[in-house]
């Protein structure tokens, strides 16, 4: 009985926990905040109301992130919660305001991925009702 267990252990055939679904990559120190990779990039780009290019980048990113939420249901609501805005209530301008307010209230999120921060902010403003 012990021999098969020893062989299984050596071959890595034990019931170990599966590997994580995602893994953060090392940050490139020369990266541009215009890539909107981190939550802090959202604050930098979307919070710059004087630069038209930054505003276009911001609303384009928000549009894409919103479309992802509308099309796909999350499989990891703890990481990327769904949100359910009422019709006409979540314009891109309103999403920008809500996001910037949420980021200001949650400064510890600054180093987290931008999409995670966005989804948390929108889920706080527009929670989905239990079916």
Protein backbone atom coordinates (compact mmCIF):
# COMPACT_ATOMS: atom_id res chain seq x y z
CA UNK A 1 0.00 0.00 0.00
CA UNK A 2 2.84 2.39 0.78
CA UNK A 3 4.65 1.79 -2.49
CA UNK A 4 1.88 3.20 -4.79
CA UNK A 5 1.59 6.26 -2.53
CA UNK A 6 5.35 6.86 -2.71
CA UNK A 7 5.29 6.51 -6.50
CA UNK A 8 2.33 8.88 -6.75
CA UNK A 9 4.15 11.44 -4.60
CA UNK A 10 7.29 11.19 -6.71
CA UNK A 11 5.33 11.59 -9.92
CA UNK A 12 3.32 14.52 -8.60
CA UNK A 13 0.04 12.65 -8.86
CA UNK A 14 -1.30 13.79 -5.54
CA UNK A 15 -4.50 15.76 -5.14
CA UNK A 16 -2.64 19.04 -4.83
CA UNK A 17 -4.43 22.34 -5.32
CA UNK A 18 -4.72 23.40 -8.95
CA UNK A 19 -2.51 26.25 -10.13
CA UNK A 20 -3.97 29.77 -9.96
CA UNK A 21 -6.16 30.82 -12.87
CA UNK A 22 -4.27 34.06 -13.40
CA UNK A 23 -0.90 35.30 -12.36
CA UNK A 24 0.28 38.89 -12.27
CA UNK A 25 3.17 39.66 -14.58
CA UNK A 26 6.13 41.70 -13.43
CA UNK A 27 5.54 45.40 -14.00
CA UNK A 28 7.55 47.19 -16.66
CA UNK A 29 8.91 50.32 -14.94
CA UNK A 30 8.97 52.18 -18.28
CA UNK A 31 5.30 51.48 -19.06
CA UNK A 32 3.00 54.32 -20.00
CA UNK A 33 -0.04 55.18 -17.85
CA UNK A 34 -1.91 55.58 -21.15
CA UNK A 35 -2.10 51.79 -21.30
CA UNK A 36 -4.49 51.94 -18.31
CA UNK A 37 -2.96 48.85 -16.76
CA UNK A 38 -3.27 49.89 -13.10
CA UNK A 39 -5.97 51.60 -11.10
CA UNK A 40 -3.56 54.49 -10.53
CA UNK A 41 -3.39 54.90 -14.34
CA UNK A 42 -7.15 55.41 -14.37
CA UNK A 43 -6.77 58.21 -11.85
CA UNK A 44 -3.96 59.80 -13.88
CA UNK A 45 -5.62 59.56 -17.30
CA UNK A 46 -9.34 59.81 -16.49
CA UNK A 47 -8.72 62.46 -13.84
CA UNK A 48 -6.99 64.77 -16.32
CA UNK A 49 -9.92 66.86 -17.52
CA UNK A 50 -7.72 69.39 -19.37
CA UNK A 51 -6.13 67.00 -21.86
CA UNK A 52 -8.59 66.04 -24.61
CA UNK A 53 -6.43 63.08 -25.69
CA UNK A 54 -6.50 61.66 -22.16
CA UNK A 55 -10.27 62.07 -22.02
CA UNK A 56 -10.68 60.24 -25.34
CA UNK A 57 -8.46 57.42 -24.10
CA UNK A 58 -10.43 57.27 -20.86
CA UNK A 59 -13.90 57.10 -22.41
CA UNK A 60 -12.71 54.61 -25.02
CA UNK A 61 -11.35 52.37 -22.28
CA UNK A 62 -14.54 52.77 -20.23
CA UNK A 63 -16.63 51.87 -23.28
CA UNK A 64 -14.66 48.68 -23.84
CA UNK A 65 -14.80 47.70 -20.17
CA UNK A 66 -18.54 48.36 -20.11
CA UNK A 67 -19.07 46.26 -23.23
CA UNK A 68 -17.20 43.37 -21.61
CA UNK A 69 -19.57 43.55 -18.63
CA UNK A 70 -22.64 43.67 -20.90
CA UNK A 71 -21.51 40.66 -22.93
CA UNK A 72 -19.87 38.32 -20.43
CA UNK A 73 -20.81 37.11 -16.96
CA UNK A 74 -17.88 36.74 -14.60
CA UNK A 75 -16.81 33.36 -13.29
CA UNK A 76 -14.93 35.00 -10.40
CA UNK A 77 -17.27 37.57 -8.81
CA UNK A 78 -14.84 38.10 -5.92
CA UNK A 79 -12.21 39.32 -8.38
CA UNK A 80 -14.31 40.82 -11.19
CA UNK A 81 -17.83 41.44 -9.92
CA UNK A 82 -20.65 41.93 -12.41
CA UNK A 83 -22.65 45.14 -12.32
CA UNK A 84 -26.16 45.86 -13.55
CA UNK A 85 -26.75 49.51 -14.46
CA UNK A 86 -30.31 50.56 -15.14
CA UNK A 87 -30.94 51.67 -18.74
CA UNK A 88 -29.55 55.12 -19.52
CA UNK A 89 -28.08 55.47 -16.00
CA UNK A 90 -24.50 54.49 -16.73
CA UNK A 91 -23.31 56.90 -19.39
CA UNK A 92 -19.57 56.93 -19.88
CA UNK A 93 -19.38 60.33 -18.19
CA UNK A 94 -21.26 58.99 -15.17
CA UNK A 95 -19.04 55.89 -15.07
CA UNK A 96 -15.99 58.15 -15.11
CA UNK A 97 -17.33 60.18 -12.16
CA UNK A 98 -18.21 57.06 -10.18
CA UNK A 99 -14.86 55.45 -10.93
CA UNK A 100 -12.81 58.50 -9.93
CA UNK A 101 -14.84 58.85 -6.73
CA UNK A 102 -14.37 55.19 -5.89
CA UNK A 103 -10.64 55.37 -6.56
CA UNK A 104 -10.32 58.42 -4.31
CA UNK A 105 -12.15 56.55 -1.55
CA UNK A 106 -10.07 53.38 -2.03
CA UNK A 107 -6.43 54.48 -2.39
CA UNK A 108 -5.15 51.00 -1.47
CA UNK A 109 -6.47 49.78 -4.84
CA UNK A 110 -4.03 51.99 -6.79
CA UNK A 111 -1.61 49.14 -7.55
CA UNK A 112 -4.30 46.68 -8.60
CA UNK A 113 -5.29 46.01 -12.21
CA UNK A 114 -7.45 48.77 -13.67
CA UNK A 115 -10.19 46.39 -14.79
CA UNK A 116 -10.56 44.99 -11.28
CA UNK A 117 -10.91 48.48 -9.81
CA UNK A 118 -13.41 49.47 -12.49
CA UNK A 119 -15.58 46.42 -11.93
CA UNK A 120 -15.55 46.91 -8.15
CA UNK A 121 -16.50 50.56 -8.52
CA UNK A 122 -19.35 49.85 -10.91
CA UNK A 123 -20.61 46.90 -8.84
CA UNK A 124 -20.73 49.21 -5.82
CA UNK A 125 -22.79 51.75 -7.76
CA UNK A 126 -24.91 49.30 -9.76
CA UNK A 127 -25.17 45.98 -7.88
CA UNK A 128 -26.98 43.15 -9.61
CA UNK A 129 -30.15 41.91 -7.95
CA UNK A 130 -30.25 38.25 -6.96
CA UNK A 131 -32.30 36.24 -9.44
